[in-house]
N, C-alpha and C. Protein backbone atom coordinates (compact mmCIF):
# COMPACT_ATOMS: atom_id res chain seq x y z
N MET A 1 12.77 -13.89 -0.71
CA MET A 1 12.29 -12.53 -0.60
C MET A 1 13.20 -11.76 0.35
N SER A 2 13.66 -10.60 -0.10
CA SER A 2 14.48 -9.78 0.78
C SER A 2 13.61 -8.64 1.34
N TYR A 3 13.91 -8.25 2.54
CA TYR A 3 13.15 -7.21 3.21
C TYR A 3 13.85 -5.87 3.06
N PRO A 4 13.09 -4.78 3.00
CA PRO A 4 13.71 -3.46 2.88
C PRO A 4 14.44 -3.07 4.16
N ASP A 5 15.48 -2.25 4.00
CA ASP A 5 16.23 -1.78 5.17
C ASP A 5 15.45 -0.68 5.89
N ARG A 6 15.95 -0.29 7.04
CA ARG A 6 15.26 0.71 7.88
C ARG A 6 15.07 2.04 7.17
N GLU A 7 16.07 2.43 6.39
CA GLU A 7 15.99 3.71 5.68
C GLU A 7 14.84 3.68 4.66
N THR A 8 14.69 2.55 3.98
CA THR A 8 13.61 2.41 3.00
C THR A 8 12.26 2.45 3.69
N VAL A 9 12.13 1.74 4.81
CA VAL A 9 10.87 1.75 5.56
C VAL A 9 10.55 3.17 6.01
N ALA A 10 11.54 3.90 6.50
CA ALA A 10 11.32 5.28 6.93
C ALA A 10 10.89 6.16 5.76
N ARG A 11 11.48 5.96 4.59
CA ARG A 11 11.12 6.74 3.41
C ARG A 11 9.68 6.47 2.99
N ILE A 12 9.28 5.19 3.00
CA ILE A 12 7.92 4.83 2.63
C ILE A 12 6.93 5.39 3.65
N ARG A 13 7.28 5.34 4.93
CA ARG A 13 6.40 5.92 5.97
C ARG A 13 6.23 7.42 5.77
N ALA A 14 7.30 8.10 5.37
CA ALA A 14 7.21 9.55 5.13
C ALA A 14 6.38 9.84 3.88
N GLU A 15 6.50 8.99 2.87
CA GLU A 15 5.78 9.20 1.61
C GLU A 15 4.29 8.86 1.71
N PHE A 16 3.96 7.88 2.57
CA PHE A 16 2.58 7.41 2.70
C PHE A 16 2.13 7.43 4.16
N PRO A 17 2.00 8.62 4.76
CA PRO A 17 1.53 8.68 6.15
C PRO A 17 0.07 8.23 6.23
N PRO A 18 -0.38 7.85 7.44
CA PRO A 18 -1.78 7.48 7.61
C PRO A 18 -2.70 8.56 7.05
N GLY A 19 -3.73 8.10 6.35
CA GLY A 19 -4.68 9.02 5.75
C GLY A 19 -4.43 9.30 4.28
N THR A 20 -3.26 8.90 3.77
CA THR A 20 -2.95 9.10 2.36
C THR A 20 -3.92 8.30 1.50
N ARG A 21 -4.48 8.94 0.49
CA ARG A 21 -5.39 8.27 -0.44
C ARG A 21 -4.58 7.76 -1.63
N VAL A 22 -4.87 6.52 -2.03
CA VAL A 22 -4.18 5.90 -3.16
C VAL A 22 -5.19 5.19 -4.07
N GLU A 23 -4.74 4.90 -5.28
CA GLU A 23 -5.52 4.12 -6.24
C GLU A 23 -4.67 2.92 -6.65
N LEU A 24 -5.27 1.75 -6.70
CA LEU A 24 -4.56 0.54 -7.07
C LEU A 24 -4.28 0.52 -8.56
N VAL A 25 -2.99 0.34 -8.91
CA VAL A 25 -2.55 0.25 -10.29
C VAL A 25 -2.32 -1.21 -10.67
N TRP A 26 -1.69 -1.98 -9.77
CA TRP A 26 -1.37 -3.38 -10.05
C TRP A 26 -1.20 -4.15 -8.75
N MET A 27 -1.79 -5.34 -8.70
CA MET A 27 -1.59 -6.24 -7.58
C MET A 27 -1.80 -7.66 -8.10
N ASP A 28 -0.77 -8.49 -8.00
CA ASP A 28 -0.84 -9.86 -8.49
C ASP A 28 -1.25 -10.78 -7.34
N ASP A 29 -2.54 -10.79 -7.04
CA ASP A 29 -3.08 -11.57 -5.94
C ASP A 29 -4.52 -11.92 -6.28
N PRO A 30 -4.91 -13.18 -6.13
CA PRO A 30 -6.29 -13.53 -6.46
C PRO A 30 -7.33 -12.83 -5.59
N GLN A 31 -6.94 -12.35 -4.44
CA GLN A 31 -7.86 -11.64 -3.54
C GLN A 31 -7.80 -10.12 -3.72
N ALA A 32 -7.03 -9.66 -4.69
CA ALA A 32 -6.81 -8.22 -4.88
C ALA A 32 -8.11 -7.50 -5.22
N PRO A 33 -8.23 -6.28 -4.72
CA PRO A 33 -9.35 -5.44 -5.17
C PRO A 33 -9.17 -5.17 -6.67
N PRO A 34 -10.23 -4.82 -7.36
CA PRO A 34 -10.10 -4.51 -8.79
C PRO A 34 -9.14 -3.34 -9.03
N ILE A 35 -8.41 -3.40 -10.14
CA ILE A 35 -7.56 -2.28 -10.54
C ILE A 35 -8.42 -1.02 -10.56
N GLY A 36 -7.88 0.07 -10.04
CA GLY A 36 -8.61 1.33 -9.99
C GLY A 36 -9.32 1.56 -8.66
N THR A 37 -9.36 0.53 -7.80
CA THR A 37 -9.98 0.70 -6.48
C THR A 37 -9.18 1.73 -5.69
N LYS A 38 -9.89 2.59 -5.00
CA LYS A 38 -9.25 3.61 -4.17
C LYS A 38 -9.31 3.18 -2.71
N GLY A 39 -8.34 3.67 -1.94
CA GLY A 39 -8.30 3.34 -0.52
C GLY A 39 -7.47 4.33 0.27
N THR A 40 -7.45 4.09 1.58
CA THR A 40 -6.75 4.96 2.51
C THR A 40 -5.69 4.16 3.26
N VAL A 41 -4.48 4.72 3.32
CA VAL A 41 -3.39 4.08 4.07
C VAL A 41 -3.70 4.22 5.56
N VAL A 42 -3.65 3.09 6.28
CA VAL A 42 -3.86 3.09 7.72
C VAL A 42 -2.52 3.26 8.43
N ARG A 43 -1.51 2.54 7.93
CA ARG A 43 -0.15 2.63 8.47
C ARG A 43 0.79 1.91 7.52
N VAL A 44 2.09 2.05 7.76
CA VAL A 44 3.11 1.30 7.03
C VAL A 44 3.77 0.37 8.04
N ASP A 45 3.80 -0.94 7.72
CA ASP A 45 4.36 -1.89 8.68
C ASP A 45 5.89 -1.96 8.58
N ASP A 46 6.50 -2.84 9.34
CA ASP A 46 7.96 -2.91 9.44
C ASP A 46 8.64 -3.48 8.20
N ILE A 47 7.88 -3.99 7.23
CA ILE A 47 8.48 -4.45 5.97
C ILE A 47 8.00 -3.56 4.81
N ALA A 48 7.56 -2.36 5.15
CA ALA A 48 7.18 -1.31 4.20
C ALA A 48 5.90 -1.61 3.42
N SER A 49 5.10 -2.56 3.88
CA SER A 49 3.79 -2.79 3.26
C SER A 49 2.83 -1.71 3.72
N LEU A 50 1.98 -1.26 2.79
CA LEU A 50 0.95 -0.30 3.16
C LEU A 50 -0.24 -1.07 3.69
N CYS A 51 -0.60 -0.83 4.93
CA CYS A 51 -1.78 -1.44 5.53
C CYS A 51 -2.95 -0.56 5.13
N MET A 52 -3.95 -1.15 4.48
CA MET A 52 -4.97 -0.39 3.77
C MET A 52 -6.37 -0.56 4.32
N ARG A 53 -7.18 0.44 4.02
CA ARG A 53 -8.63 0.36 4.16
C ARG A 53 -9.16 0.73 2.78
N TRP A 54 -9.40 -0.30 1.95
CA TRP A 54 -9.90 -0.07 0.60
C TRP A 54 -11.36 0.35 0.65
N ASP A 55 -11.78 1.18 -0.29
CA ASP A 55 -13.16 1.68 -0.32
C ASP A 55 -14.18 0.57 -0.53
N ASN A 56 -13.75 -0.57 -1.08
CA ASN A 56 -14.68 -1.69 -1.30
C ASN A 56 -14.77 -2.62 -0.09
N GLY A 57 -14.12 -2.25 1.02
CA GLY A 57 -14.18 -3.04 2.24
C GLY A 57 -13.00 -3.96 2.47
N SER A 58 -12.16 -4.16 1.47
CA SER A 58 -10.97 -5.01 1.61
C SER A 58 -9.93 -4.33 2.50
N SER A 59 -9.09 -5.14 3.11
CA SER A 59 -7.98 -4.60 3.91
C SER A 59 -6.65 -5.23 3.48
N LEU A 60 -6.61 -5.79 2.27
CA LEU A 60 -5.39 -6.43 1.77
C LEU A 60 -4.27 -5.40 1.68
N HIS A 61 -3.11 -5.76 2.21
CA HIS A 61 -1.95 -4.86 2.21
C HIS A 61 -1.36 -4.70 0.82
N VAL A 62 -0.70 -3.58 0.60
CA VAL A 62 0.07 -3.33 -0.61
C VAL A 62 1.51 -3.71 -0.30
N ALA A 63 2.00 -4.77 -0.95
CA ALA A 63 3.33 -5.30 -0.68
C ALA A 63 4.41 -4.44 -1.35
N TYR A 64 5.38 -4.00 -0.55
CA TYR A 64 6.49 -3.20 -1.05
C TYR A 64 7.25 -3.98 -2.12
N GLY A 65 7.51 -3.34 -3.25
CA GLY A 65 8.30 -3.95 -4.31
C GLY A 65 7.53 -4.91 -5.20
N GLU A 66 6.27 -5.17 -4.89
CA GLU A 66 5.46 -6.10 -5.68
C GLU A 66 4.23 -5.41 -6.26
N ASP A 67 3.47 -4.74 -5.42
CA ASP A 67 2.23 -4.12 -5.83
C ASP A 67 2.47 -2.65 -6.16
N VAL A 68 1.55 -2.06 -6.94
CA VAL A 68 1.74 -0.68 -7.38
C VAL A 68 0.47 0.12 -7.09
N VAL A 69 0.65 1.24 -6.41
CA VAL A 69 -0.43 2.19 -6.18
C VAL A 69 0.08 3.58 -6.57
N ARG A 70 -0.86 4.48 -6.77
CA ARG A 70 -0.48 5.88 -7.00
C ARG A 70 -1.27 6.74 -6.04
N LYS A 71 -0.62 7.80 -5.56
CA LYS A 71 -1.29 8.74 -4.66
C LYS A 71 -2.33 9.52 -5.44
N ILE A 72 -3.44 9.82 -4.76
CA ILE A 72 -4.48 10.66 -5.34
C ILE A 72 -4.83 11.76 -4.35
N ASP A 73 -5.48 12.80 -4.86
CA ASP A 73 -5.89 13.91 -4.00
C ASP A 73 -7.13 13.56 -3.23
């Protein structure tokens, strides 16, 4: 697994600031919330993962380059 560079992490932090609402499109993890679950970005960590507060109570991170979410209003 390769980690994103600083510029990529900065771009993801700018695109998904704390409080951004997202909807889960795809996550290949047995502990994943159901597709379509909505949540709020808490922060972006140093490897560009979105640290989440999912509406169903989960806090599983969205892994950069692996999982897919879309921003919602």
